[in-house]
Protein backbone atom coordinates (compact mmCIF):
# COMPACT_ATOMS: atom_id res chain seq x y z
CA UNK A 1 -96.74 32.42 57.12
CA UNK A 2 -94.81 29.84 55.46
CA UNK A 3 -90.75 29.12 56.90
CA UNK A 4 -88.46 29.48 54.01
CA UNK A 5 -86.43 26.28 53.67
CA UNK A 6 -82.97 27.09 55.11
CA UNK A 7 -80.24 27.43 52.48
CA UNK A 8 -77.33 25.01 53.12
CA UNK A 9 -74.57 27.12 54.36
CA UNK A 10 -71.40 27.12 51.93
CA UNK A 11 -68.04 27.08 53.25
CA UNK A 12 -64.89 28.15 51.37
CA UNK A 13 -61.82 25.79 50.90
CA UNK A 14 -58.76 27.11 51.42
CA UNK A 15 -56.67 25.36 48.40
CA UNK A 16 -53.63 25.58 50.23
CA UNK A 17 -55.25 22.92 52.87
CA UNK A 18 -56.42 21.21 50.82
CA UNK A 19 -52.83 20.77 48.85
CA UNK A 20 -51.83 19.89 52.65
CA UNK A 21 -53.96 17.25 52.77
CA UNK A 22 -53.39 15.70 49.50
CA UNK A 23 -50.05 15.79 50.11
CA UNK A 24 -49.86 14.32 53.72
CA UNK A 25 -49.63 10.85 54.14
CA UNK A 26 -52.96 8.85 55.27
CA UNK A 27 -51.91 7.09 58.33
CA UNK A 28 -50.44 10.38 60.13
CA UNK A 29 -52.85 12.41 62.06
CA UNK A 30 -53.78 16.22 60.08
CA UNK A 31 -52.30 18.90 61.24
CA UNK A 32 -52.40 22.33 61.42
CA UNK A 33 -55.95 24.26 60.14
CA UNK A 34 -57.29 21.19 58.33
CA UNK A 35 -57.62 20.00 62.22
CA UNK A 36 -59.77 22.77 63.25
CA UNK A 37 -62.83 21.67 61.48
CA UNK A 38 -63.18 18.77 64.06
CA UNK A 39 -64.68 21.76 66.15
CA UNK A 40 -67.45 22.68 64.00
CA UNK A 41 -70.93 21.60 63.31
CA UNK A 42 -70.70 20.03 59.40
CA UNK A 43 -67.53 17.85 61.18
CA UNK A 44 -69.66 16.85 64.21
CA UNK A 45 -72.81 15.63 61.91
CA UNK A 46 -70.62 13.78 59.96
CA UNK A 47 -69.30 11.68 62.58
CA UNK A 48 -72.35 10.50 63.55
CA UNK A 49 -72.05 7.71 61.15
CA UNK A 50 -70.25 4.82 62.60
CA UNK A 51 -68.42 1.73 60.87
CA UNK A 52 -70.29 -1.74 61.57
CA UNK A 53 -66.88 -3.07 62.28
CA UNK A 54 -63.29 -2.30 62.91
CA UNK A 55 -61.90 -4.20 59.91
CA UNK A 56 -61.57 -2.74 56.98
CA UNK A 57 -61.23 -5.63 55.11
CA UNK A 58 -64.71 -6.18 54.41
CA UNK A 59 -65.05 -2.87 52.74
CA UNK A 60 -65.58 -3.83 49.49
CA UNK A 61 -62.80 -3.25 46.69
CA UNK A 62 -63.01 -2.73 43.07
CA UNK A 63 -60.82 -5.36 41.02
CA UNK A 64 -58.08 -3.88 39.25
CA UNK A 65 -58.78 -3.84 35.36
CA UNK A 66 -55.32 -4.40 33.83
CA UNK A 67 -55.38 -2.29 30.89
CA UNK A 68 -54.76 -4.39 27.16
CA UNK A 69 -51.40 -2.81 25.72
CA UNK A 70 -51.55 -0.38 23.13
CA UNK A 71 -49.48 1.15 20.43
CA UNK A 72 -50.68 4.52 21.48
CA UNK A 73 -49.67 6.08 25.00
CA UNK A 74 -51.97 6.86 27.05
CA UNK A 75 -51.75 10.51 27.87
CA UNK A 76 -52.69 9.97 31.67
CA UNK A 77 -50.14 7.34 31.55
CA UNK A 78 -47.39 9.17 30.10
CA UNK A 79 -43.77 7.56 30.98
CA UNK A 80 -41.55 10.64 30.10
CA UNK A 81 -40.60 13.02 32.71
CA UNK A 82 -40.48 16.87 32.14
CA UNK A 83 -37.04 16.98 31.68
CA UNK A 84 -37.50 14.38 28.59
CA UNK A 85 -40.21 15.89 26.98
CA UNK A 86 -39.70 16.15 23.67
CA UNK A 87 -42.04 16.43 20.17
CA UNK A 88 -42.98 12.46 20.52
CA UNK A 89 -44.08 12.94 24.00
CA UNK A 90 -45.75 16.35 25.14
CA UNK A 91 -46.74 16.94 28.86
CA UNK A 92 -49.86 15.78 30.03
CA UNK A 93 -51.16 15.92 33.07
CA UNK A 94 -51.25 12.95 35.33
CA UNK A 95 -53.28 11.99 38.33
CA UNK A 96 -50.51 10.50 40.60
CA UNK A 97 -49.01 13.59 41.68
CA UNK A 98 -50.47 17.02 41.06
CA UNK A 99 -50.57 20.65 43.16
CA UNK A 100 -52.91 23.68 42.54
CA UNK A 101 -52.10 27.37 43.27
CA UNK A 102 -54.13 30.58 43.84
CA UNK A 103 -53.31 31.35 40.45
CA UNK A 104 -54.89 29.90 38.04
CA UNK A 105 -52.20 29.32 35.38
CA UNK A 106 -49.94 28.02 38.11
CA UNK A 107 -51.27 24.42 37.30
CA UNK A 108 -48.31 22.19 38.21
CA UNK A 109 -47.87 18.63 36.59
CA UNK A 110 -44.63 18.46 36.16
CA UNK A 111 -43.77 16.63 39.70
CA UNK A 112 -43.31 13.30 38.40
CA UNK A 113 -45.24 11.83 35.14
CA UNK A 114 -42.97 8.44 35.50
CA UNK A 115 -45.41 5.66 35.38
CA UNK A 116 -45.51 3.08 38.38
CA UNK A 117 -44.84 0.52 35.79
CA UNK A 118 -42.14 2.49 34.21
CA UNK A 119 -40.32 2.76 37.67
CA UNK A 120 -40.54 -0.57 38.06
CA UNK A 121 -39.13 -1.44 34.64
CA UNK A 122 -36.35 0.16 35.11
CA UNK A 123 -35.28 -2.24 37.36
CA UNK A 124 -34.94 -4.64 34.62
CA UNK A 125 -32.32 -4.82 31.67
CA UNK A 126 -33.95 -3.61 28.66
CA UNK A 127 -33.73 -6.28 25.12
CA UNK A 128 -32.21 -4.13 23.64
CA UNK A 129 -28.88 -3.69 25.73
CA UNK A 130 -28.62 -7.27 25.61
CA UNK A 131 -29.03 -7.31 21.70
CA UNK A 132 -26.64 -4.73 21.56
CA UNK A 133 -23.92 -6.50 23.86
CA UNK A 134 -24.84 -9.73 21.72
CA UNK A 135 -23.71 -8.25 18.83
CA UNK A 136 -21.03 -5.98 20.02
CA UNK A 137 -19.45 -9.65 21.19
CA UNK A 138 -20.22 -11.62 18.17
CA UNK A 139 -18.45 -8.61 16.52
CA UNK A 140 -15.36 -9.17 18.29
CA UNK A 141 -15.35 -12.82 18.06
CA UNK A 142 -15.61 -12.83 14.23
CA UNK A 143 -12.58 -10.27 14.27
CA UNK A 144 -10.34 -12.69 16.14
CA UNK A 145 -11.29 -15.56 14.29
CA UNK A 146 -10.63 -13.82 11.13
CA UNK A 147 -7.54 -12.49 12.42
CA UNK A 148 -6.42 -15.93 13.68
CA UNK A 149 -7.05 -17.39 10.45
CA UNK A 150 -5.71 -14.95 8.00
CA UNK A 151 -2.40 -14.84 9.76
CA UNK A 152 -1.99 -18.74 9.74
CA UNK A 153 -2.28 -19.61 13.14
CA UNK A 154 -4.70 -22.12 11.81
CA UNK A 155 -2.55 -24.52 10.53
CA UNK A 156 -3.86 -27.81 11.90
CA UNK A 157 -7.40 -26.84 9.92
CA UNK A 158 -5.45 -27.25 6.83
CA UNK A 159 -5.41 -30.53 6.68
CA UNK A 160 -9.21 -31.03 6.04
CA UNK A 161 -9.40 -31.97 2.44
CA UNK A 162 -11.40 -28.86 1.49
CA UNK A 163 -8.75 -27.29 1.78
CA UNK A 164 -6.37 -29.96 0.62
CA UNK A 165 -8.51 -29.82 -2.90
CA UNK A 166 -7.83 -26.54 -3.99
CA UNK A 167 -5.90 -23.38 -2.71
CA UNK A 168 -8.82 -21.11 -4.18
CA UNK A 169 -10.77 -22.68 -1.37
CA UNK A 170 -8.85 -21.28 1.19
CA UNK A 171 -9.28 -17.56 0.09
CA UNK A 172 -13.23 -18.37 -0.32
CA UNK A 173 -13.27 -19.34 3.28
CA UNK A 174 -11.48 -15.50 4.13
CA UNK A 175 -14.03 -14.36 1.91
CA UNK A 176 -16.60 -15.57 3.85
CA UNK A 177 -15.26 -14.43 6.85
CA UNK A 178 -14.88 -10.89 6.27
CA UNK A 179 -18.45 -10.75 4.84
CA UNK A 180 -19.64 -11.87 8.24
CA UNK A 181 -17.88 -9.22 9.46
CA UNK A 182 -19.04 -6.61 7.45
CA UNK A 183 -22.50 -8.12 8.17
CA UNK A 184 -22.01 -7.86 12.05
CA UNK A 185 -20.74 -4.65 11.89
CA UNK A 186 -23.53 -3.23 9.76
CA UNK A 187 -25.93 -4.76 12.34
CA UNK A 188 -23.76 -2.73 14.94
CA UNK A 189 -24.74 0.29 12.71
CA UNK A 190 -28.49 0.00 13.15
CA UNK A 191 -28.39 -0.43 16.80
CA UNK A 192 -25.90 2.66 17.90
CA UNK A 193 -27.61 5.22 15.39
CA UNK A 194 -30.92 3.58 16.70
CA UNK A 195 -29.89 4.75 20.28
CA UNK A 196 -28.35 7.60 19.08
CA UNK A 197 -31.92 9.06 17.36
CA UNK A 198 -33.58 8.19 20.62
CA UNK A 199 -31.10 9.93 22.71
CA UNK A 200 -31.47 12.83 20.38
CA UNK A 201 -35.15 13.18 20.57
CA UNK A 202 -35.34 12.07 24.36
CA UNK A 203 -33.19 14.40 25.81
CA UNK A 204 -34.34 18.00 26.98
CA UNK A 205 -35.76 19.93 24.85
CA UNK A 206 -35.26 16.98 22.16
CA UNK A 207 -34.33 17.59 18.60
CA UNK A 208 -36.59 19.35 16.03
CA UNK A 209 -39.11 16.87 14.05
CA UNK A 210 -36.80 17.91 10.83
CA UNK A 211 -33.66 17.37 12.29
CA UNK A 212 -35.08 13.78 13.65
CA UNK A 213 -36.65 13.00 10.43
CA UNK A 214 -33.55 13.74 8.16
CA UNK A 215 -31.63 12.02 10.68
CA UNK A 216 -33.87 8.86 10.86
CA UNK A 217 -33.53 8.99 6.52
CA UNK A 218 -30.15 9.60 6.31
CA UNK A 219 -28.27 7.55 9.03
CA UNK A 220 -25.03 6.81 6.45
CA UNK A 221 -22.47 8.49 7.35
CA UNK A 222 -23.28 12.12 5.12
CA UNK A 223 -26.47 12.19 7.07
CA UNK A 224 -24.31 12.28 10.39
CA UNK A 225 -21.74 14.43 9.08
CA UNK A 226 -24.50 16.42 7.79
CA UNK A 227 -25.80 16.29 11.29
CA UNK A 228 -23.09 17.33 12.63
CA UNK A 229 -22.28 20.05 10.11
CA UNK A 230 -25.10 22.20 11.24
CA UNK A 231 -25.70 21.08 14.69
CA UNK A 232 -24.61 23.96 17.40
CA UNK A 233 -22.32 22.19 19.76
CA UNK A 234 -22.00 24.05 22.80
CA UNK A 235 -25.03 25.43 23.25
CA UNK A 236 -27.82 22.53 21.89
CA UNK A 237 -26.10 19.82 21.76
CA UNK A 238 -24.95 18.36 25.23
CA UNK A 239 -21.31 15.42 25.47
CA UNK A 240 -23.68 12.47 25.31
CA UNK A 241 -25.04 13.40 21.58
CA UNK A 242 -21.22 14.02 20.38
CA UNK A 243 -19.76 10.86 21.75
CA UNK A 244 -22.66 9.02 20.17
CA UNK A 245 -22.56 10.58 16.95
CA UNK A 246 -18.71 9.93 16.74
CA UNK A 247 -19.16 6.48 17.99
CA UNK A 248 -21.62 6.26 14.99
CA UNK A 249 -19.45 7.56 12.51
CA UNK A 250 -16.51 5.03 13.65
CA UNK A 251 -18.68 2.23 13.49
CA UNK A 252 -19.71 3.22 9.99
CA UNK A 253 -16.60 3.56 8.41
CA UNK A 254 -15.19 0.55 10.41
CA UNK A 255 -17.55 -1.65 7.76
CA UNK A 256 -15.16 -2.02 5.09
CA UNK A 257 -11.91 -2.34 7.19
CA UNK A 258 -11.72 -5.89 7.49
CA UNK A 259 -11.89 -6.63 3.91
CA UNK A 260 -9.81 -3.86 2.83
CA UNK A 261 -7.01 -4.86 5.06
CA UNK A 262 -7.46 -8.57 4.68
CA UNK A 263 -8.24 -9.03 1.23
CA UNK A 264 -5.77 -5.89 -0.04
CA UNK A 265 -2.87 -7.94 -0.02
CA UNK A 266 -2.97 -12.06 0.50
CA UNK A 267 -0.84 -14.54 -0.89
CA UNK A 268 -1.45 -18.42 -0.39
CA UNK A 269 1.28 -20.36 1.47
CA UNK A 270 1.86 -23.96 1.68
CA UNK A 271 0.95 -25.98 4.13
CA UNK A 272 2.74 -30.07 4.62
CA UNK A 273 1.90 -32.42 6.91
CA UNK A 274 4.36 -35.47 7.02
CA UNK A 275 3.58 -38.91 6.51
CA UNK A 276 7.10 -40.49 6.47
CA UNK A 277 10.54 -39.14 6.97
CA UNK A 278 14.43 -40.07 6.39
CA UNK A 279 17.37 -39.20 6.62
CA UNK A 280 19.18 -37.60 3.35
CA UNK A 281 21.67 -35.51 1.53
CA UNK A 282 20.83 -32.56 -0.28
CA UNK A 283 21.71 -29.23 -1.96
CA UNK A 284 24.60 -27.57 -3.43
CA UNK A 285 28.18 -27.88 -1.86
CA UNK A 286 30.62 -25.13 -2.21
CA UNK A 287 31.66 -23.93 -5.52
CA UNK A 288 34.45 -25.85 -7.11
CA UNK A 289 36.47 -25.92 -10.01
CA UNK A 290 38.81 -27.76 -9.77
CA UNK A 291 36.29 -30.63 -10.21
CA UNK A 292 36.75 -29.92 -14.00
CA UNK A 293 39.87 -32.30 -14.03
CA UNK A 294 37.75 -35.45 -13.49
CA UNK A 295 35.16 -34.71 -15.61
CA UNK A 296 33.63 -37.37 -18.09
CA UNK A 297 32.42 -36.59 -21.63
CA UNK A 298 28.50 -37.19 -20.21
CA UNK A 299 28.91 -33.94 -17.91
CA UNK A 300 30.57 -32.61 -20.58
CA UNK A 301 27.42 -33.30 -22.50
CA UNK A 302 24.84 -32.05 -19.77
CA UNK A 303 26.49 -29.18 -18.99
CA UNK A 304 26.89 -28.35 -23.05
CA UNK A 305 23.21 -28.83 -23.33
CA UNK A 306 22.15 -26.53 -19.66
CA UNK A 307 24.48 -23.92 -21.16
CA UNK A 308 22.81 -23.98 -24.78
CA UNK A 309 19.31 -23.96 -22.94
CA UNK A 310 17.79 -19.80 -22.44
CA UNK A 311 15.14 -20.92 -20.19
CA UNK A 312 15.43 -21.69 -16.24
CA UNK A 313 14.14 -24.89 -14.86
CA UNK A 314 11.32 -25.06 -12.13
CA UNK A 315 12.96 -28.61 -11.34
CA UNK A 316 16.50 -26.91 -9.68
CA UNK A 317 15.85 -23.02 -9.82
CA UNK A 318 13.68 -20.37 -8.53
CA UNK A 319 12.97 -16.76 -9.01
CA UNK A 320 12.82 -14.79 -6.01
CA UNK A 321 12.75 -10.96 -5.46
CA UNK A 322 16.04 -8.90 -5.41
CA UNK A 323 17.53 -8.56 -2.10
CA UNK A 324 16.93 -5.20 -0.27
CA UNK A 325 19.66 -2.23 0.32
CA UNK A 326 22.57 -3.05 2.72
CA UNK A 327 22.27 -7.08 1.87
CA UNK A 328 22.23 -6.74 -1.97
CA UNK A 329 25.41 -5.57 -4.06
CA UNK A 330 24.04 -4.35 -7.10
CA UNK A 331 24.71 -0.41 -7.77
CA UNK A 332 23.35 2.20 -10.23
CA UNK A 333 24.17 5.19 -12.56
CA UNK A 334 25.45 6.69 -9.31
CA UNK A 335 27.37 4.25 -7.51
CA UNK A 336 24.46 4.02 -5.07
CA UNK A 337 22.75 0.90 -4.04
CA UNK A 338 19.83 -0.53 -6.85
CA UNK A 339 18.14 -3.23 -6.78
CA UNK A 340 19.35 -6.23 -9.07
CA UNK A 341 17.48 -6.82 -11.90
CA UNK A 342 17.42 -10.80 -11.72
CA UNK A 343 17.63 -12.52 -8.52
CA UNK A 344 17.64 -17.09 -8.85
CA UNK A 345 18.20 -19.85 -6.31
CA UNK A 346 19.70 -22.83 -7.13
CA UNK A 347 18.81 -25.93 -4.97
CA UNK A 348 19.99 -28.45 -6.96
CA UNK A 349 16.96 -30.41 -7.34
CA UNK A 350 15.33 -33.94 -6.91
CA UNK A 351 18.27 -35.57 -8.97
CA UNK A 352 20.84 -34.09 -5.56
CA UNK A 353 19.18 -35.83 -2.82
CA UNK A 354 20.32 -39.29 -1.61
CA UNK A 355 18.68 -41.60 -1.70
CA UNK A 356 15.58 -41.89 -3.54
CA UNK A 357 13.80 -44.25 -0.97
CA UNK A 358 10.15 -43.17 -2.61
CA UNK A 359 8.07 -45.65 -4.49
CA UNK A 360 5.69 -43.29 -5.84
CA UNK A 361 2.84 -45.61 -4.91
CA UNK A 362 3.15 -45.55 -0.73
CA UNK A 363 1.23 -42.46 0.78
CA UNK A 364 -1.25 -41.81 -1.90
CA UNK A 365 -2.63 -38.58 -0.09
CA UNK A 366 0.82 -37.11 0.43
CA UNK A 367 1.84 -35.00 -3.18
CA UNK A 368 5.62 -33.03 -1.92
CA UNK A 369 9.04 -33.86 -0.89
CA UNK A 370 9.57 -31.39 1.61
CA UNK A 371 13.64 -30.87 2.45
CA UNK A 372 14.35 -28.59 5.82
CA UNK A 373 17.65 -26.81 5.99
CA UNK A 374 19.05 -27.48 2.48
CA UNK A 375 21.82 -25.52 1.42
CA UNK A 376 21.15 -23.77 -1.72
CA UNK A 377 23.17 -20.64 -3.83
CA UNK A 378 21.41 -17.45 -4.54
CA UNK A 379 22.75 -15.60 -7.62
CA UNK A 380 21.62 -11.88 -8.29
CA UNK A 381 22.86 -10.04 -11.68
CA UNK A 382 22.98 -6.78 -12.19
CA UNK A 383 24.47 -4.25 -14.60
CA UNK A 384 28.09 -2.79 -15.56
CA UNK A 385 28.03 0.57 -16.23
CA UNK A 386 31.65 1.15 -16.97
CA UNK A 387 31.84 -0.81 -20.04
CA UNK A 388 34.92 1.18 -21.16
CA UNK A 389 36.94 0.14 -18.15
CA UNK A 390 36.07 -3.34 -18.06
CA UNK A 391 37.14 -3.30 -21.67
CA UNK A 392 40.25 -1.84 -20.36
CA UNK A 393 41.06 -2.96 -17.47
CA UNK A 394 39.38 -6.93 -17.39
CA UNK A 395 40.46 -10.31 -19.14
CA UNK A 396 39.08 -10.37 -22.73
CA UNK A 397 38.52 -13.07 -25.14
CA UNK A 398 37.67 -13.95 -29.00
CA UNK A 399 35.78 -17.29 -29.63
CA UNK A 400 34.27 -18.67 -32.39
CA UNK A 401 35.21 -19.01 -36.13
CA UNK A 402 35.11 -16.45 -39.23
CA UNK A 403 31.21 -17.24 -39.42
CA UNK A 404 30.48 -16.47 -36.38
CA UNK A 405 32.48 -15.00 -33.51
CA UNK A 406 31.70 -13.12 -30.07
CA UNK A 407 33.89 -11.24 -27.58
CA UNK A 408 34.00 -11.54 -24.04
CA UNK A 409 35.49 -9.51 -21.35
CA UNK A 410 35.42 -10.39 -17.36
CA UNK A 411 36.67 -8.56 -14.57
CA UNK A 412 36.14 -8.41 -10.68
CA UNK A 413 33.97 -5.67 -9.36
CA UNK A 414 34.29 -3.29 -6.58
CA UNK A 415 31.49 -5.38 -4.66
CA UNK A 416 33.81 -8.32 -5.26
CA UNK A 417 30.75 -9.56 -7.81
CA UNK A 418 32.02 -10.99 -11.42
CA UNK A 419 31.69 -8.49 -14.44
CA UNK A 420 30.73 -9.82 -17.76
CA UNK A 421 30.62 -8.04 -21.20
CA UNK A 422 30.14 -8.99 -24.75
CA UNK A 423 29.89 -8.13 -28.45
CA UNK A 424 28.72 -10.34 -31.21
CA UNK A 425 29.75 -10.71 -34.60
CA UNK A 426 27.09 -8.58 -36.78
CA UNK A 427 24.74 -11.11 -39.50
CA UNK A 428 26.69 -9.01 -42.49
CA UNK A 429 30.40 -10.18 -41.51
CA UNK A 430 28.72 -13.68 -41.09
CA UNK A 431 27.29 -13.84 -44.20
CA UNK A 432 31.44 -13.17 -46.00
CA UNK A 433 32.92 -14.93 -42.97
CA UNK A 434 34.77 -12.08 -41.96
CA UNK A 435 34.53 -12.52 -38.38
CA UNK A 436 37.77 -13.17 -36.78
CA UNK A 437 39.92 -10.92 -39.83
CA UNK A 438 37.97 -7.64 -39.09
CA UNK A 439 36.96 -7.12 -35.34
CA UNK A 440 35.97 -3.60 -35.69
CA UNK A 441 32.37 -5.02 -34.10
CA UNK A 442 33.79 -5.84 -30.46
CA UNK A 443 33.90 -2.30 -29.60
CA UNK A 444 31.34 -1.56 -28.11
CA UNK A 445 30.60 -4.26 -25.59
CA UNK A 446 26.77 -4.48 -26.67
CA UNK A 447 25.55 -6.79 -23.54
CA UNK A 448 26.77 -6.83 -19.58
CA UNK A 449 26.07 -8.02 -16.24
CA UNK A 450 27.07 -8.49 -12.94
CA UNK A 451 27.15 -11.42 -10.81
CA UNK A 452 27.08 -11.90 -7.05
CA UNK A 453 26.82 -15.22 -5.71
CA UNK A 454 25.51 -16.17 -2.62
CA UNK A 455 25.16 -19.23 0.00
CA UNK A 456 21.55 -19.89 2.47
CA UNK A 457 19.89 -22.43 4.05
CA UNK A 458 15.98 -23.00 2.90
CA UNK A 459 13.15 -25.56 3.32
CA UNK A 460 12.32 -26.72 0.13
CA UNK A 461 9.41 -27.96 -1.50
CA UNK A 462 8.80 -30.21 -4.29
CA UNK A 463 6.23 -31.79 -6.24
CA UNK A 464 5.81 -35.39 -5.95
CA UNK A 465 4.37 -35.50 -9.42
CA UNK A 466 6.70 -33.77 -11.33
CA UNK A 467 9.68 -32.94 -8.96
CA UNK A 468 9.50 -29.58 -9.56
CA UNK A 469 10.28 -26.25 -6.87
CA UNK A 470 6.71 -25.60 -5.24
CA UNK A 471 7.84 -23.75 -2.53
CA UNK A 472 11.48 -22.25 -0.69
CA UNK A 473 10.65 -20.98 2.58
CA UNK A 474 12.29 -20.76 5.81
CA UNK A 475 15.33 -19.10 4.26
CA UNK A 476 18.55 -17.73 6.64
CA UNK A 477 20.11 -14.56 6.15
CA UNK A 478 22.29 -14.67 2.32
CA UNK A 479 26.25 -14.64 3.28
CA UNK A 480 27.71 -13.75 0.01
CA UNK A 481 30.16 -16.20 -1.45
CA UNK A 482 33.50 -14.73 -2.77
CA UNK A 483 34.38 -16.67 -6.79
CA UNK A 484 37.99 -15.78 -7.46
CA UNK A 485 37.72 -15.04 -11.92
CA UNK A 486 40.16 -17.59 -13.04
CA UNK A 487 38.58 -20.35 -11.24
CA UNK A 488 35.35 -19.44 -12.68
CA UNK A 489 36.45 -18.78 -16.41
CA UNK A 490 38.10 -22.23 -15.76
CA UNK A 491 34.28 -24.13 -15.65
CA UNK A 492 33.42 -22.46 -18.16
CA UNK A 493 36.40 -23.65 -20.37
CA UNK A 494 34.60 -27.52 -19.65
CA UNK A 495 32.39 -25.65 -22.75
CA UNK A 496 34.04 -23.31 -24.27
CA UNK A 497 37.73 -23.74 -24.00
CA UNK A 498 38.86 -20.77 -25.09
CA UNK A 499 38.05 -19.39 -21.87
CA UNK A 500 40.76 -21.13 -20.49
CA UNK A 501 43.69 -18.60 -20.02
CA UNK A 502 46.41 -21.11 -19.70
CA UNK A 503 45.11 -22.72 -22.43
CA UNK A 504 46.83 -22.08 -26.21
CA UNK A 505 43.97 -21.17 -28.38
CA UNK A 506 42.86 -18.28 -26.25
CA UNK A 507 41.31 -16.83 -30.22
CA UNK A 508 39.46 -18.12 -32.52
CA UNK A 509 38.31 -21.22 -30.64
CA UNK A 510 36.10 -23.13 -33.22
CA UNK A 511 33.99 -24.67 -30.20
CA UNK A 512 30.35 -25.87 -30.65
CA UNK A 513 28.76 -23.23 -28.03
CA UNK A 514 30.21 -20.52 -29.13
CA UNK A 515 28.89 -20.99 -32.70
CA UNK A 516 25.60 -21.80 -31.20
CA UNK A 517 25.72 -18.54 -29.34
CA UNK A 518 26.17 -16.63 -31.84
CA UNK A 519 23.51 -17.32 -34.97
CA UNK A 520 20.94 -18.10 -31.93
CA UNK A 521 20.95 -15.33 -29.98
CA UNK A 522 18.80 -12.55 -31.45
CA UNK A 523 21.50 -9.68 -31.61
CA UNK A 524 20.19 -7.01 -33.53
CA UNK A 525 18.75 -2.80 -33.03
CA UNK A 526 16.12 -4.81 -31.32
CA UNK A 527 15.52 -4.16 -27.54
CA UNK A 528 13.65 -7.04 -26.65
CA UNK A 529 16.25 -8.95 -28.69
CA UNK A 530 18.98 -7.65 -26.56
CA UNK A 531 16.91 -8.31 -23.58
CA UNK A 532 16.38 -11.91 -24.23
CA UNK A 533 19.74 -12.45 -25.68
CA UNK A 534 20.49 -11.28 -21.76
CA UNK A 535 18.91 -13.35 -20.49
CA UNK A 536 20.24 -16.85 -22.14
CA UNK A 537 23.17 -15.08 -21.23
CA UNK A 538 23.03 -15.10 -17.68
CA UNK A 539 21.13 -18.53 -17.25
CA UNK A 540 24.22 -19.71 -18.96
CA UNK A 541 26.68 -17.99 -16.13
CA UNK A 542 24.64 -20.03 -13.55
CA UNK A 543 25.21 -23.66 -15.03
CA UNK A 544 28.55 -23.81 -13.25
CA UNK A 545 27.24 -23.80 -9.93
CA UNK A 546 25.06 -26.41 -10.62
CA UNK A 547 27.98 -29.26 -11.58
CA UNK A 548 30.70 -28.14 -9.75
CA UNK A 549 30.22 -28.98 -6.30
CA UNK A 550 31.12 -31.82 -3.99
CA UNK A 551 27.43 -33.27 -4.10
CA UNK A 552 27.73 -33.94 -7.70
CA UNK A 553 31.27 -35.57 -8.13
CA UNK A 554 31.79 -37.12 -5.10
CA UNK A 555 33.03 -40.43 -5.54
CA UNK A 556 30.47 -43.09 -5.34
CA UNK A 557 27.73 -44.88 -6.97
CA UNK A 558 24.64 -42.70 -8.71
CA UNK A 559 21.83 -41.37 -6.30
CA UNK A 560 20.11 -44.04 -8.38
CA UNK A 561 21.99 -46.70 -6.78
CA UNK A 562 22.19 -45.02 -2.75
CA UNK A 563 20.98 -46.51 -0.24
CA UNK A 564 21.75 -44.18 2.31
CA UNK A 565 23.10 -40.47 2.67
CA UNK A 566 25.96 -39.90 0.27
CA UNK A 567 28.70 -40.15 2.31
CA UNK A 568 32.11 -37.57 2.20
CA UNK A 569 30.20 -34.13 2.21
CA UNK A 570 30.25 -31.37 4.61
CA UNK A 571 28.09 -31.54 7.47
CA UNK A 572 26.02 -28.87 6.11
CA UNK A 573 24.71 -31.00 3.38
CA UNK A 574 23.05 -33.00 5.38
CA UNK A 575 18.84 -33.17 6.28
CA UNK A 576 15.67 -35.25 6.47
CA UNK A 577 12.80 -35.66 3.54
CA UNK A 578 9.08 -36.00 4.53
CA UNK A 579 6.93 -37.27 2.15
CA UNK A 580 4.12 -34.96 3.00
CA UNK A 581 0.14 -34.07 2.55
CA UNK A 582 -0.08 -30.78 0.69
CA UNK A 583 -2.28 -28.15 1.74
CA UNK A 584 -2.89 -24.65 1.04
CA UNK A 585 -3.66 -21.40 3.43
CA UNK A 586 -4.00 -17.74 2.70
CA UNK A 587 -2.26 -15.58 5.00
CA UNK A 588 -2.54 -11.36 4.66
CA UNK A 589 -0.36 -8.99 4.14
CA UNK A 590 3.11 -9.76 1.85
CA UNK A 591 4.61 -13.02 2.25
CA UNK A 592 8.36 -13.65 4.05
CA UNK A 593 10.70 -14.53 2.53
């Protein structure tokens, strides 16, 4: 009788016991049901195997194999937890931590899918974080440097030959700096949008593939706005998504801001660096018509030439913007404030500076004279709205001859300004020499202007080469000078005797300037001709202020002979002159007057 081979005895394994065994630490004795297996026959059979020694370090080991890096993630080495799964990282089983249950559909691999390498990497800062931080620092630095440069705070830098050579070089540097700011901000956009994309892709539930591809293809303003417009804020997207999206939009929109703000309104300001400074007398003293009694023929000729020239000279005058409301005195048709038509500054020019100590050969790199705290006169011209009242209440003069004559009326306005109106004999009467006998042409007054006089102090910069005025800066607030009408008309009579009320001939004065003015000024029905004539008249009205003052009529040698500042002038007529290097700086915004 053949004995059947004994069949191996099968024993049912309790999965709960297996789970307890898998989770228990190896150095802790097993408890519960697992410990009861020590009393079984199988346990005694396996227990006869004894270790050769107690030193476990003698056991053979398998060397740890370093895995080569790959661009494709291993399904068993995923570094994304279940709470961060999305279409890029689907949940996969990991041998590191898993559990089992009695039911087949309760397999759970989501306890921890984070690899050891990822846990170790959390302790280190990602290089992308440093890259973003560096970009932010560079952006702040560039914006700061650009702001400092564009506000004129880098004045010491302007002494370099690069800026001295041409004012366009200053604009070039500002343009380069604004472009660099735009490049840095553009790089920030890339970094911020990438952070936003991966934040959307790796958040719990992630975003759909269509949304992600759409965001990746349109990371500009419209792409983000489209995503925001279709987003279900409260149900789908977290506050982190809203913050990152808003940050991206702000950064994108801020890229052109430096160029728009800085390049939108810029001006070139002169910067000077003095090389030699000495004391001088300069500027225009207060108006005084009594000097007419000391006038010489040479001065009378100079007055005649200046009044007959319709153009303003850049050697002794400088055009300005009209004074603003509350300071300017010009009025509109309704009697309220209105900006004046013209505004000019009289400085006296280089010919009012004493002594003239520059030999023009020393300091070849210097191209400018700088005279600070110079007393100057500002003239503003407006309109006269009540011409009938001016003709009725003003003092009127008929000057000229039968072949050429003009009619002038003058008065003092409500704002203490001088008002002037004039009419000119038409060409038809000039041809018949009937200007004096037929005075119907004197009404109405065709040209009119108001004149307001202000005194100020300013720093005047002259060109060392042609002595023209380059710049007027650091001006003090204007103070109105009240000029008497009789005194002013007396100064005009130095050239046009008919303006002297005390003189016997106030009608038909045959002066050269009166005839020249009538024949030279293009008075006709053309509005362009009238405006040109008006500008010429206004320029002629400014001439007395450049001559009738103490700095011009003071006794003693001329400025070409003086070795020291002219004596006997008011205290505010003394200043300094600096022979200076001339450079340029660009300033963003409206220049201050």
